């Protein structure tokens, strides 16, 4: 089996939600292509999406053994946190930020995990680092959510709004485009320049998701 064939099988199994097939092709990647980091990362993420957390963790660790990468450390942190190992998740998020300072997803994840441990002062530092892109700036590359309900203070610090529970990112428009509604996330200032959010009861840090049957235009003043 060639590497492109293995990746094709992985994608097909992922789309079908076939965990058994994903586990089988992951085993093949580990034995036949152990020095290929990208497919191991993809396999780890697929296992995570399908809920096979233990296998996802070991696969992501195998990918990291080849070379440290911020994205893989962050994903490993998510796996560990979902398994209830918050302290080791924090270690992984820290490693992600060491590899890529300013990595928004890792900063937000680290802040959320630190809040769970009661380390609120340090959590606030990382929450503020992520805040520039919160609660849903178009620059975010994925949609993030806390893994447990947030209290109002944590939500305010992380998302800039005590009612918010998620960071919506640039992956969201793809779901609408798949339903024939092309569009994109635009910053508040692009669509409503000069409009004071507080006056009208909206959060100016939240983007506006603009969709239509035709391609989304660019907004001007």
N, C-alpha and C. Protein backbone atom coordinates (compact mmCIF):
# COMPACT_ATOMS: atom_id res chain seq x y z
N UNK A 1 0.85 -1.19 0.00
CA UNK A 1 0.00 0.00 0.00
C UNK A 1 0.88 1.24 0.00
N UNK A 2 0.55 2.21 -0.86
CA UNK A 2 1.29 3.46 -0.90
C UNK A 2 0.70 4.43 0.13
N UNK A 3 1.48 5.47 0.45
CA UNK A 3 0.99 6.46 1.40
C UNK A 3 -0.26 7.18 0.89
N UNK A 4 -0.31 7.61 -0.38
CA UNK A 4 -1.55 8.24 -0.86
C UNK A 4 -2.76 7.31 -0.75
N UNK A 5 -2.55 6.03 -1.00
CA UNK A 5 -3.66 5.08 -0.86
C UNK A 5 -4.12 4.99 0.59
N UNK A 6 -3.17 4.96 1.51
CA UNK A 6 -3.52 4.88 2.93
C UNK A 6 -4.29 6.13 3.37
N UNK A 7 -3.85 7.30 2.91
CA UNK A 7 -4.53 8.55 3.26
C UNK A 7 -5.95 8.56 2.68
N UNK A 8 -6.08 8.04 1.45
CA UNK A 8 -7.41 7.96 0.83
C UNK A 8 -8.34 7.06 1.63
N UNK A 9 -7.83 5.94 2.10
CA UNK A 9 -8.64 5.03 2.92
C UNK A 9 -9.03 5.70 4.22
N UNK A 10 -8.09 6.42 4.83
CA UNK A 10 -8.38 7.12 6.08
C UNK A 10 -9.50 8.13 5.87
N UNK A 11 -9.43 8.91 4.80
CA UNK A 11 -10.45 9.91 4.53
C UNK A 11 -11.82 9.26 4.31
N UNK A 12 -11.83 8.18 3.56
CA UNK A 12 -13.10 7.48 3.30
C UNK A 12 -13.69 6.94 4.60
N UNK A 13 -12.84 6.34 5.43
CA UNK A 13 -13.32 5.79 6.71
C UNK A 13 -13.80 6.90 7.62
N UNK A 14 -13.10 8.04 7.62
CA UNK A 14 -13.53 9.19 8.43
C UNK A 14 -14.90 9.68 7.99
N UNK A 15 -15.07 9.85 6.68
CA UNK A 15 -16.35 10.35 6.17
C UNK A 15 -17.49 9.39 6.46
N UNK A 16 -17.17 8.09 6.49
CA UNK A 16 -18.19 7.08 6.76
C UNK A 16 -18.42 6.87 8.25
N UNK A 17 -17.57 7.47 9.08
CA UNK A 17 -17.68 7.27 10.51
C UNK A 17 -17.37 5.85 10.94
N UNK A 18 -16.49 5.20 10.17
CA UNK A 18 -16.16 3.80 10.41
C UNK A 18 -14.94 3.70 11.32
N UNK A 19 -15.17 3.60 12.62
CA UNK A 19 -14.07 3.59 13.58
C UNK A 19 -13.16 2.40 13.39
N UNK A 20 -13.73 1.23 13.11
CA UNK A 20 -12.90 0.04 12.92
C UNK A 20 -11.92 0.24 11.78
N UNK A 21 -12.41 0.78 10.67
CA UNK A 21 -11.54 1.00 9.51
C UNK A 21 -10.49 2.05 9.83
N UNK A 22 -10.86 3.08 10.58
CA UNK A 22 -9.90 4.11 10.96
C UNK A 22 -8.80 3.51 11.83
N UNK A 23 -9.18 2.68 12.78
CA UNK A 23 -8.18 2.04 13.65
C UNK A 23 -7.25 1.14 12.84
N UNK A 24 -7.80 0.43 11.85
CA UNK A 24 -6.98 -0.46 11.03
C UNK A 24 -5.98 0.34 10.19
N UNK A 25 -6.44 1.41 9.57
CA UNK A 25 -5.53 2.17 8.72
C UNK A 25 -4.52 2.94 9.57
N UNK A 26 -4.91 3.32 10.79
CA UNK A 26 -3.95 3.95 11.70
C UNK A 26 -2.83 2.98 12.04
N UNK A 27 -3.18 1.72 12.30
CA UNK A 27 -2.17 0.70 12.58
C UNK A 27 -1.23 0.54 11.39
N UNK A 28 -1.79 0.61 10.19
CA UNK A 28 -0.97 0.51 8.98
C UNK A 28 -0.01 1.70 8.87
N UNK A 29 -0.51 2.89 9.15
CA UNK A 29 0.35 4.08 9.09
C UNK A 29 1.49 3.98 10.09
N UNK A 30 1.18 3.48 11.29
CA UNK A 30 2.20 3.38 12.34
C UNK A 30 3.28 2.36 12.00
N UNK A 31 2.90 1.29 11.30
CA UNK A 31 3.87 0.23 11.00
C UNK A 31 4.59 0.45 9.67
N UNK A 32 3.87 0.93 8.67
CA UNK A 32 4.45 1.04 7.34
C UNK A 32 5.00 2.43 7.02
N UNK A 33 4.47 3.46 7.69
CA UNK A 33 4.92 4.83 7.43
C UNK A 33 5.18 5.55 8.74
N UNK A 34 6.01 5.00 9.61
CA UNK A 34 6.19 5.57 10.95
C UNK A 34 6.90 6.92 10.96
N UNK A 35 7.51 7.31 9.85
CA UNK A 35 8.23 8.59 9.83
C UNK A 35 7.42 9.69 9.16
N UNK A 36 6.16 9.42 8.82
CA UNK A 36 5.31 10.41 8.15
C UNK A 36 4.40 11.07 9.19
N UNK A 37 4.71 12.31 9.55
CA UNK A 37 3.98 12.97 10.63
C UNK A 37 2.56 13.39 10.24
N UNK A 38 2.41 13.95 9.05
CA UNK A 38 1.12 14.51 8.65
C UNK A 38 -0.01 13.47 8.70
N UNK A 39 0.16 12.29 8.10
CA UNK A 39 -0.94 11.32 8.17
C UNK A 39 -1.20 10.81 9.58
N UNK A 40 -0.14 10.72 10.41
CA UNK A 40 -0.35 10.31 11.80
C UNK A 40 -1.17 11.37 12.54
N UNK A 41 -0.89 12.63 12.28
CA UNK A 41 -1.68 13.71 12.88
C UNK A 41 -3.14 13.61 12.42
N UNK A 42 -3.33 13.40 11.12
CA UNK A 42 -4.69 13.27 10.59
C UNK A 42 -5.42 12.08 11.21
N UNK A 43 -4.71 10.97 11.36
CA UNK A 43 -5.32 9.79 11.96
C UNK A 43 -5.69 10.05 13.41
N UNK A 44 -4.81 10.73 14.15
CA UNK A 44 -5.10 11.06 15.54
C UNK A 44 -6.32 11.94 15.66
N UNK A 45 -6.44 12.94 14.80
CA UNK A 45 -7.60 13.82 14.83
C UNK A 45 -8.88 13.07 14.46
N UNK A 46 -8.77 12.14 13.51
CA UNK A 46 -9.94 11.35 13.13
C UNK A 46 -10.40 10.48 14.28
N UNK A 47 -9.47 9.85 14.96
CA UNK A 47 -9.82 9.04 16.12
C UNK A 47 -10.44 9.90 17.22
N UNK A 48 -9.92 11.11 17.39
CA UNK A 48 -10.50 12.04 18.37
C UNK A 48 -11.94 12.36 17.99
N UNK A 49 -12.18 12.66 16.72
CA UNK A 49 -13.53 13.01 16.27
C UNK A 49 -14.51 11.86 16.46
N UNK A 50 -14.01 10.63 16.37
CA UNK A 50 -14.88 9.46 16.50
C UNK A 50 -14.95 8.96 17.93
N UNK A 51 -14.28 9.66 18.85
CA UNK A 51 -14.41 9.33 20.26
C UNK A 51 -13.46 8.27 20.78
N UNK A 52 -12.50 7.82 19.95
CA UNK A 52 -11.53 6.82 20.40
C UNK A 52 -10.36 7.55 21.05
N UNK A 53 -10.57 8.04 22.26
CA UNK A 53 -9.63 8.98 22.86
C UNK A 53 -8.29 8.36 23.20
N UNK A 54 -8.28 7.16 23.74
CA UNK A 54 -7.01 6.53 24.10
C UNK A 54 -6.14 6.32 22.86
N UNK A 55 -6.75 5.79 21.81
CA UNK A 55 -6.00 5.55 20.56
C UNK A 55 -5.59 6.88 19.91
N UNK A 56 -6.46 7.88 20.00
CA UNK A 56 -6.11 9.19 19.45
C UNK A 56 -4.89 9.75 20.15
N UNK A 57 -4.85 9.63 21.49
CA UNK A 57 -3.71 10.14 22.23
C UNK A 57 -2.42 9.47 21.86
N UNK A 58 -2.42 8.15 21.77
CA UNK A 58 -1.18 7.44 21.44
C UNK A 58 -0.72 7.75 20.02
N UNK A 59 -1.67 7.96 19.11
CA UNK A 59 -1.31 8.28 17.73
C UNK A 59 -0.72 9.68 17.63
N UNK A 60 -1.31 10.64 18.34
CA UNK A 60 -0.77 12.00 18.34
C UNK A 60 0.60 12.04 19.01
N UNK A 61 0.79 11.24 20.05
CA UNK A 61 2.11 11.17 20.70
C UNK A 61 3.15 10.60 19.74
N UNK A 62 2.74 9.62 18.92
CA UNK A 62 3.67 9.07 17.93
C UNK A 62 4.04 10.13 16.90
N UNK A 63 3.08 10.97 16.53
CA UNK A 63 3.36 12.05 15.58
C UNK A 63 4.32 13.07 16.20
N UNK A 64 4.12 13.38 17.47
CA UNK A 64 5.00 14.34 18.14
C UNK A 64 6.40 13.80 18.33
N UNK A 65 6.54 12.49 18.43
CA UNK A 65 7.87 11.90 18.59
C UNK A 65 8.74 12.17 17.37
N UNK A 66 8.10 12.45 16.24
CA UNK A 66 8.87 12.73 15.01
C UNK A 66 9.40 14.16 15.01
N UNK A 67 8.59 15.08 15.50
CA UNK A 67 8.99 16.50 15.57
C UNK A 67 7.92 17.25 16.34
N UNK A 68 8.29 18.20 17.18
CA UNK A 68 7.28 18.97 17.91
C UNK A 68 6.55 19.93 16.96
N UNK A 69 5.23 19.95 17.08
CA UNK A 69 4.42 20.90 16.30
C UNK A 69 3.31 21.42 17.19
N UNK A 70 3.07 22.73 17.11
CA UNK A 70 2.10 23.36 17.99
C UNK A 70 0.71 22.76 17.82
N UNK A 71 0.30 22.54 16.57
CA UNK A 71 -1.05 22.04 16.32
C UNK A 71 -1.26 20.66 16.94
N UNK A 72 -0.23 19.82 16.87
CA UNK A 72 -0.37 18.46 17.41
C UNK A 72 -0.39 18.50 18.93
N UNK A 73 0.45 19.34 19.53
CA UNK A 73 0.42 19.49 20.99
C UNK A 73 -0.97 19.96 21.43
N UNK A 74 -1.53 20.91 20.72
CA UNK A 74 -2.85 21.42 21.09
C UNK A 74 -3.90 20.32 20.99
N UNK A 75 -3.87 19.55 19.92
CA UNK A 75 -4.84 18.47 19.74
C UNK A 75 -4.66 17.40 20.82
N UNK A 76 -3.42 17.12 21.18
CA UNK A 76 -3.18 16.16 22.26
C UNK A 76 -3.74 16.69 23.57
N UNK A 77 -3.63 17.99 23.79
CA UNK A 77 -4.23 18.58 24.99
C UNK A 77 -5.73 18.38 25.02
N UNK A 78 -6.38 18.53 23.88
CA UNK A 78 -7.82 18.31 23.81
C UNK A 78 -8.16 16.88 24.16
N UNK A 79 -7.39 15.93 23.62
CA UNK A 79 -7.62 14.52 23.93
C UNK A 79 -7.49 14.27 25.43
N UNK A 80 -6.42 14.78 26.00
CA UNK A 80 -6.18 14.55 27.44
C UNK A 80 -7.28 15.18 28.28
N UNK A 81 -7.71 16.37 27.89
CA UNK A 81 -8.75 17.03 28.69
C UNK A 81 -10.07 16.27 28.59
N UNK A 82 -10.38 15.78 27.42
CA UNK A 82 -11.62 15.01 27.28
C UNK A 82 -11.57 13.69 28.05
N UNK A 83 -10.37 13.20 28.28
CA UNK A 83 -10.21 11.99 29.09
C UNK A 83 -10.19 12.31 30.59
N UNK A 84 -10.30 13.58 30.93
CA UNK A 84 -10.34 13.98 32.32
C UNK A 84 -8.98 14.26 32.93
N UNK A 85 -7.92 14.24 32.12
CA UNK A 85 -6.57 14.48 32.62
C UNK A 85 -6.21 15.95 32.37
N UNK A 86 -6.79 16.84 33.17
CA UNK A 86 -6.65 18.27 32.92
C UNK A 86 -5.22 18.73 33.09
N UNK A 87 -4.50 18.20 34.07
CA UNK A 87 -3.13 18.66 34.32
C UNK A 87 -2.21 18.34 33.15
N UNK A 88 -2.33 17.13 32.61
CA UNK A 88 -1.50 16.80 31.44
C UNK A 88 -1.98 17.54 30.20
N UNK A 89 -3.25 17.86 30.13
CA UNK A 89 -3.75 18.69 29.04
C UNK A 89 -3.09 20.07 29.10
N UNK A 90 -2.99 20.61 30.30
CA UNK A 90 -2.33 21.91 30.48
C UNK A 90 -0.88 21.84 30.01
N UNK A 91 -0.19 20.74 30.33
CA UNK A 91 1.19 20.58 29.85
C UNK A 91 1.25 20.63 28.32
N UNK A 92 0.29 19.98 27.68
CA UNK A 92 0.28 19.94 26.21
C UNK A 92 -0.01 21.32 25.63
N UNK A 93 -0.96 22.05 26.22
CA UNK A 93 -1.25 23.40 25.72
C UNK A 93 -0.04 24.32 25.91
N UNK A 94 0.66 24.16 27.03
CA UNK A 94 1.87 24.96 27.25
C UNK A 94 2.92 24.65 26.17
N UNK A 95 3.05 23.37 25.85
CA UNK A 95 4.02 22.97 24.82
C UNK A 95 3.64 23.57 23.47
N UNK A 96 2.33 23.61 23.19
CA UNK A 96 1.88 24.21 21.93
C UNK A 96 2.27 25.68 21.87
N UNK A 97 2.08 26.40 22.98
CA UNK A 97 2.41 27.82 23.01
C UNK A 97 3.92 28.05 22.99
N UNK A 98 4.68 27.10 23.53
CA UNK A 98 6.13 27.22 23.45
C UNK A 98 6.60 27.09 22.00
N UNK A 99 5.94 26.23 21.25
CA UNK A 99 6.29 26.06 19.84
C UNK A 99 5.82 27.25 19.00
N UNK A 100 4.64 27.78 19.36
CA UNK A 100 4.10 28.90 18.58
C UNK A 100 3.48 29.93 19.54
N UNK A 101 4.25 30.84 20.03
CA UNK A 101 3.70 31.89 20.90
C UNK A 101 2.59 32.66 20.16
N UNK A 102 1.51 32.93 20.89
CA UNK A 102 0.40 33.63 20.28
C UNK A 102 -0.60 32.74 19.59
N UNK A 103 -0.44 31.42 19.70
CA UNK A 103 -1.35 30.46 19.08
C UNK A 103 -2.71 30.58 19.80
N UNK A 104 -3.70 31.16 19.12
CA UNK A 104 -4.96 31.52 19.76
C UNK A 104 -5.68 30.31 20.34
N UNK A 105 -5.78 29.24 19.57
CA UNK A 105 -6.52 28.07 20.05
C UNK A 105 -5.89 27.51 21.32
N UNK A 106 -4.56 27.39 21.32
CA UNK A 106 -3.89 26.85 22.49
C UNK A 106 -4.04 27.77 23.69
N UNK A 107 -3.97 29.08 23.46
CA UNK A 107 -4.13 30.04 24.56
C UNK A 107 -5.53 29.94 25.16
N UNK A 108 -6.54 29.85 24.30
CA UNK A 108 -7.91 29.73 24.80
C UNK A 108 -8.13 28.41 25.53
N UNK A 109 -7.59 27.33 24.97
CA UNK A 109 -7.72 26.03 25.62
C UNK A 109 -7.00 26.00 26.96
N UNK A 110 -5.80 26.59 27.00
CA UNK A 110 -5.05 26.63 28.25
C UNK A 110 -5.79 27.45 29.30
N UNK A 111 -6.33 28.58 28.89
CA UNK A 111 -7.07 29.41 29.84
C UNK A 111 -8.26 28.65 30.41
N UNK A 112 -9.01 27.97 29.55
CA UNK A 112 -10.18 27.21 30.01
C UNK A 112 -9.77 26.10 30.97
N UNK A 113 -8.67 25.40 30.66
CA UNK A 113 -8.21 24.31 31.52
C UNK A 113 -7.72 24.85 32.86
N UNK A 114 -7.02 25.98 32.84
CA UNK A 114 -6.53 26.57 34.09
C UNK A 114 -7.68 27.03 34.98
N UNK A 115 -8.74 27.55 34.38
CA UNK A 115 -9.91 27.93 35.16
C UNK A 115 -10.48 26.71 35.89
N UNK A 116 -10.44 25.55 35.24
CA UNK A 116 -10.97 24.34 35.87
C UNK A 116 -10.16 23.93 37.08
N UNK A 117 -8.87 24.29 37.10
CA UNK A 117 -8.02 23.93 38.24
C UNK A 117 -8.01 25.01 39.31
N UNK A 118 -8.65 26.12 39.06
CA UNK A 118 -8.66 27.21 40.03
C UNK A 118 -7.50 28.17 39.90
N UNK A 119 -6.65 27.97 38.87
CA UNK A 119 -5.50 28.89 38.66
C UNK A 119 -5.98 30.10 37.87
N UNK A 120 -6.85 30.89 38.50
CA UNK A 120 -7.55 31.95 37.78
C UNK A 120 -6.62 33.08 37.32
N UNK A 121 -5.62 33.40 38.11
CA UNK A 121 -4.73 34.50 37.73
C UNK A 121 -3.97 34.18 36.44
N UNK A 122 -3.41 32.97 36.39
CA UNK A 122 -2.70 32.59 35.16
C UNK A 122 -3.67 32.39 34.01
N UNK A 123 -4.84 31.85 34.31
CA UNK A 123 -5.85 31.66 33.26
C UNK A 123 -6.19 33.00 32.62
N UNK A 124 -6.29 34.03 33.45
CA UNK A 124 -6.64 35.35 32.94
C UNK A 124 -5.58 35.86 31.96
N UNK A 125 -4.32 35.59 32.25
CA UNK A 125 -3.24 36.02 31.34
C UNK A 125 -3.44 35.41 29.96
N UNK A 126 -3.71 34.10 29.92
CA UNK A 126 -3.87 33.43 28.63
C UNK A 126 -5.21 33.78 27.98
N UNK A 127 -6.23 34.02 28.81
CA UNK A 127 -7.52 34.44 28.25
C UNK A 127 -7.38 35.78 27.54
N UNK A 128 -6.62 36.68 28.14
CA UNK A 128 -6.43 37.99 27.51
C UNK A 128 -5.59 37.87 26.24
N UNK A 129 -4.67 36.90 26.22
CA UNK A 129 -3.88 36.69 25.01
C UNK A 129 -4.76 36.20 23.87
N UNK A 130 -5.78 35.40 24.20
CA UNK A 130 -6.70 34.91 23.18
C UNK A 130 -7.81 35.90 22.87
N UNK A 131 -7.98 36.87 23.75
CA UNK A 131 -9.14 37.76 23.68
C UNK A 131 -9.16 38.59 22.40
N UNK A 132 -7.99 38.88 21.83
CA UNK A 132 -7.96 39.69 20.62
C UNK A 132 -8.75 39.06 19.50
N UNK A 133 -8.86 37.74 19.52
CA UNK A 133 -9.61 37.04 18.48
C UNK A 133 -10.94 36.50 18.99
N UNK A 134 -11.38 36.95 20.17
CA UNK A 134 -12.61 36.42 20.74
C UNK A 134 -13.72 37.46 20.63
N UNK A 135 -14.98 36.99 20.65
CA UNK A 135 -15.40 35.61 20.74
C UNK A 135 -15.56 34.90 19.40
N UNK A 136 -15.28 35.59 18.29
CA UNK A 136 -15.42 34.87 17.05
C UNK A 136 -14.83 35.59 15.87
N UNK A 137 -13.65 36.14 16.02
CA UNK A 137 -13.05 36.87 14.91
C UNK A 137 -12.78 35.95 13.73
N UNK A 138 -12.88 36.47 12.51
CA UNK A 138 -12.65 35.64 11.33
C UNK A 138 -11.27 35.00 11.30
N UNK A 139 -10.32 35.54 12.05
CA UNK A 139 -8.98 34.96 12.05
C UNK A 139 -8.88 33.63 12.74
N UNK A 140 -9.84 33.27 13.59
CA UNK A 140 -9.80 31.95 14.21
C UNK A 140 -9.98 30.88 13.15
N UNK A 141 -9.19 29.83 13.23
CA UNK A 141 -9.25 28.80 12.19
C UNK A 141 -10.19 27.67 12.54
N UNK A 142 -10.63 27.57 13.78
CA UNK A 142 -11.57 26.51 14.15
C UNK A 142 -12.59 27.07 15.13
N UNK A 143 -13.66 26.34 15.30
CA UNK A 143 -14.68 26.72 16.26
C UNK A 143 -14.40 26.01 17.57
N UNK A 144 -14.25 26.78 18.63
CA UNK A 144 -13.86 26.24 19.92
C UNK A 144 -15.00 26.38 20.91
N UNK A 145 -15.09 25.44 21.84
CA UNK A 145 -16.08 25.52 22.90
C UNK A 145 -15.49 24.98 24.18
N UNK A 146 -15.90 25.53 25.30
CA UNK A 146 -15.48 24.97 26.58
C UNK A 146 -16.04 23.57 26.73
N UNK A 147 -15.29 22.73 27.40
CA UNK A 147 -15.71 21.34 27.54
C UNK A 147 -16.63 21.14 28.75
N UNK A 148 -16.75 22.18 29.56
CA UNK A 148 -17.71 22.17 30.66
C UNK A 148 -18.40 23.52 30.68
N UNK A 149 -19.59 23.58 31.28
CA UNK A 149 -20.26 24.89 31.37
C UNK A 149 -19.38 25.90 32.10
N UNK A 150 -19.29 27.10 31.57
CA UNK A 150 -18.47 28.15 32.17
C UNK A 150 -19.32 28.99 33.10
N UNK A 151 -18.72 29.43 34.20
CA UNK A 151 -19.43 30.42 35.00
C UNK A 151 -19.34 31.77 34.28
N UNK A 152 -20.12 32.72 34.75
CA UNK A 152 -20.19 34.00 34.04
C UNK A 152 -18.84 34.69 33.96
N UNK A 153 -18.06 34.62 35.03
CA UNK A 153 -16.76 35.30 35.04
C UNK A 153 -15.81 34.68 34.02
N UNK A 154 -15.77 33.35 33.96
CA UNK A 154 -14.90 32.69 33.00
C UNK A 154 -15.32 33.03 31.58
N UNK A 155 -16.62 33.02 31.32
CA UNK A 155 -17.09 33.35 29.97
C UNK A 155 -16.75 34.79 29.61
N UNK A 156 -16.89 35.70 30.57
CA UNK A 156 -16.55 37.09 30.30
C UNK A 156 -15.07 37.24 29.97
N UNK A 157 -14.22 36.56 30.73
CA UNK A 157 -12.78 36.68 30.51
C UNK A 157 -12.36 36.03 29.20
N UNK A 158 -12.93 34.88 28.89
CA UNK A 158 -12.51 34.15 27.69
C UNK A 158 -13.11 34.74 26.42
N UNK A 159 -14.39 35.08 26.48
CA UNK A 159 -15.11 35.42 25.26
C UNK A 159 -15.56 36.88 25.18
N UNK A 160 -15.34 37.62 26.28
CA UNK A 160 -15.75 39.02 26.28
C UNK A 160 -17.23 39.21 26.49
N UNK A 161 -17.95 38.16 26.84
CA UNK A 161 -19.40 38.24 27.03
C UNK A 161 -19.80 37.10 27.97
N UNK A 162 -20.38 37.44 29.11
CA UNK A 162 -20.69 36.40 30.09
C UNK A 162 -21.72 35.40 29.58
N UNK A 163 -22.46 35.77 28.51
CA UNK A 163 -23.45 34.84 27.96
C UNK A 163 -22.84 33.90 26.93
N UNK A 164 -21.62 34.19 26.50
CA UNK A 164 -21.01 33.40 25.43
C UNK A 164 -20.37 32.14 25.98
N UNK A 165 -20.34 31.11 25.16
CA UNK A 165 -19.73 29.85 25.56
C UNK A 165 -18.82 29.28 24.47
N UNK A 166 -18.71 29.98 23.35
CA UNK A 166 -17.94 29.44 22.24
C UNK A 166 -17.10 30.53 21.58
N UNK A 167 -16.05 30.07 20.89
CA UNK A 167 -15.31 30.90 19.96
C UNK A 167 -15.64 30.38 18.56
N UNK A 168 -16.32 31.18 17.77
CA UNK A 168 -16.67 30.73 16.43
C UNK A 168 -15.57 31.15 15.46
N UNK A 169 -15.17 30.23 14.62
CA UNK A 169 -14.03 30.50 13.76
C UNK A 169 -14.30 30.38 12.29
N UNK A 170 -13.22 30.42 11.54
CA UNK A 170 -13.30 30.47 10.08
C UNK A 170 -13.73 29.16 9.45
N UNK A 171 -13.84 28.09 10.25
CA UNK A 171 -14.32 26.83 9.68
C UNK A 171 -15.84 26.82 9.53
N UNK A 172 -16.54 27.72 10.23
CA UNK A 172 -17.99 27.69 10.22
C UNK A 172 -18.59 27.94 8.83
N UNK A 173 -18.10 28.92 8.06
CA UNK A 173 -18.69 29.15 6.74
C UNK A 173 -18.64 27.93 5.83
N UNK A 174 -17.65 27.05 6.00
CA UNK A 174 -17.55 25.88 5.13
C UNK A 174 -18.78 24.99 5.27
N UNK A 175 -19.34 24.92 6.48
CA UNK A 175 -20.53 24.10 6.68
C UNK A 175 -21.72 24.67 5.91
N UNK A 176 -21.82 25.99 5.87
CA UNK A 176 -22.91 26.61 5.12
C UNK A 176 -22.68 26.50 3.62
N UNK A 177 -21.40 26.63 3.22
CA UNK A 177 -21.10 26.52 1.79
C UNK A 177 -21.46 25.14 1.27
N UNK A 178 -21.26 24.12 2.11
CA UNK A 178 -21.63 22.76 1.72
C UNK A 178 -23.13 22.64 1.48
N UNK A 179 -23.90 23.55 2.07
CA UNK A 179 -25.36 23.56 1.88
C UNK A 179 -25.75 24.60 0.83
N UNK A 180 -24.81 24.96 -0.04
CA UNK A 180 -25.04 25.90 -1.14
C UNK A 180 -25.37 27.31 -0.65
N UNK A 181 -24.79 27.68 0.48
CA UNK A 181 -24.94 29.04 0.98
C UNK A 181 -23.54 29.64 1.19
N UNK A 182 -22.89 30.05 0.10
CA UNK A 182 -21.54 30.60 0.25
C UNK A 182 -21.56 31.89 1.06
N UNK A 183 -20.49 32.11 1.76
CA UNK A 183 -20.38 33.32 2.57
C UNK A 183 -19.10 33.29 3.36
N UNK A 184 -18.97 34.21 4.27
CA UNK A 184 -17.78 34.23 5.10
C UNK A 184 -18.04 35.06 6.35
N UNK A 185 -17.12 34.94 7.28
CA UNK A 185 -17.19 35.72 8.51
C UNK A 185 -16.49 37.05 8.29
N UNK A 186 -17.15 38.12 8.65
CA UNK A 186 -16.58 39.46 8.49
C UNK A 186 -16.55 40.16 9.84
N UNK A 187 -15.52 40.93 10.05
CA UNK A 187 -15.42 41.69 11.30
C UNK A 187 -16.54 42.72 11.38
N UNK A 188 -16.96 43.00 12.60
CA UNK A 188 -18.02 43.97 12.85
C UNK A 188 -17.73 45.29 12.12
N UNK A 189 -16.47 45.74 12.19
CA UNK A 189 -16.12 47.03 11.60
C UNK A 189 -16.20 47.03 10.08
N UNK A 190 -16.10 45.84 9.46
CA UNK A 190 -16.20 45.78 8.01
C UNK A 190 -17.63 46.00 7.54
N UNK A 191 -18.58 45.47 8.30
CA UNK A 191 -19.98 45.54 7.89
C UNK A 191 -20.68 46.77 8.47
N UNK A 192 -20.35 47.10 9.71
CA UNK A 192 -21.01 48.21 10.40
C UNK A 192 -19.98 49.19 10.95
N UNK A 193 -19.20 49.80 10.09
CA UNK A 193 -18.17 50.73 10.58
C UNK A 193 -18.80 51.91 11.30
N UNK A 194 -18.25 52.23 12.44
CA UNK A 194 -18.74 53.38 13.19
C UNK A 194 -19.98 53.13 14.02
N UNK A 195 -20.52 51.90 13.98
CA UNK A 195 -21.71 51.59 14.77
C UNK A 195 -21.26 51.10 16.14
N UNK A 196 -21.69 51.76 17.18
CA UNK A 196 -21.30 51.40 18.54
C UNK A 196 -22.11 50.19 19.01
N UNK A 197 -21.39 49.09 19.27
CA UNK A 197 -22.07 47.87 19.66
C UNK A 197 -22.85 48.00 20.94
N UNK A 198 -22.30 48.69 21.92
CA UNK A 198 -22.97 48.83 23.22
C UNK A 198 -24.31 49.54 23.07
N UNK A 199 -24.36 50.53 22.17
CA UNK A 199 -25.61 51.28 21.96
C UNK A 199 -26.71 50.39 21.42
N UNK A 200 -26.34 49.47 20.55
CA UNK A 200 -27.33 48.63 19.87
C UNK A 200 -27.42 47.22 20.46
N UNK A 201 -26.74 47.00 21.57
CA UNK A 201 -26.89 45.73 22.27
C UNK A 201 -26.19 44.56 21.63
N UNK A 202 -25.07 44.79 20.93
CA UNK A 202 -24.33 43.68 20.34
C UNK A 202 -22.85 43.80 20.73
N UNK A 203 -22.13 42.73 20.57
CA UNK A 203 -20.71 42.70 20.92
C UNK A 203 -19.89 42.98 19.66
N UNK A 204 -19.21 44.12 19.58
CA UNK A 204 -18.48 44.45 18.35
C UNK A 204 -17.31 43.52 18.06
N UNK A 205 -16.93 42.69 19.05
CA UNK A 205 -15.85 41.74 18.78
C UNK A 205 -16.36 40.49 18.10
N UNK A 206 -17.67 40.32 18.06
CA UNK A 206 -18.21 39.16 17.36
C UNK A 206 -18.28 39.46 15.86
N UNK A 207 -17.96 38.49 15.02
CA UNK A 207 -18.06 38.72 13.59
C UNK A 207 -19.51 38.59 13.14
N UNK A 208 -19.76 39.03 11.94
CA UNK A 208 -21.05 38.81 11.30
C UNK A 208 -20.83 37.77 10.21
N UNK A 209 -21.62 36.71 10.24
CA UNK A 209 -21.52 35.67 9.22
C UNK A 209 -22.53 35.99 8.13
N UNK A 210 -22.03 36.27 6.94
CA UNK A 210 -22.86 36.74 5.84
C UNK A 210 -22.94 35.65 4.79
N UNK A 211 -24.16 35.26 4.45
CA UNK A 211 -24.37 34.17 3.50
C UNK A 211 -25.36 34.61 2.42
N UNK A 212 -25.30 33.92 1.30
CA UNK A 212 -26.26 34.18 0.23
C UNK A 212 -26.17 33.12 -0.84
N UNK A 213 -27.11 33.15 -1.74
CA UNK A 213 -27.09 32.17 -2.84
C UNK A 213 -25.99 32.47 -3.84
N UNK A 214 -25.51 33.72 -3.84
CA UNK A 214 -24.39 34.09 -4.68
C UNK A 214 -23.19 34.39 -3.79
N UNK A 215 -22.06 34.55 -4.43
CA UNK A 215 -20.84 34.80 -3.67
C UNK A 215 -20.96 36.04 -2.80
N UNK A 216 -20.45 35.96 -1.60
CA UNK A 216 -20.55 37.05 -0.64
C UNK A 216 -19.71 38.24 -1.13
N UNK A 217 -20.32 39.44 -1.18
CA UNK A 217 -19.54 40.61 -1.63
C UNK A 217 -18.64 41.12 -0.54
N UNK A 218 -17.73 42.00 -0.92
CA UNK A 218 -16.93 42.71 0.06
C UNK A 218 -17.71 43.92 0.53
N UNK A 219 -17.66 44.21 1.82
CA UNK A 219 -18.38 45.36 2.35
C UNK A 219 -17.46 46.57 2.41
N UNK A 220 -18.01 47.69 2.08
CA UNK A 220 -17.28 48.94 2.21
C UNK A 220 -18.05 49.85 3.15
N UNK A 221 -17.52 51.01 3.43
CA UNK A 221 -18.13 51.88 4.44
C UNK A 221 -19.55 52.28 4.03
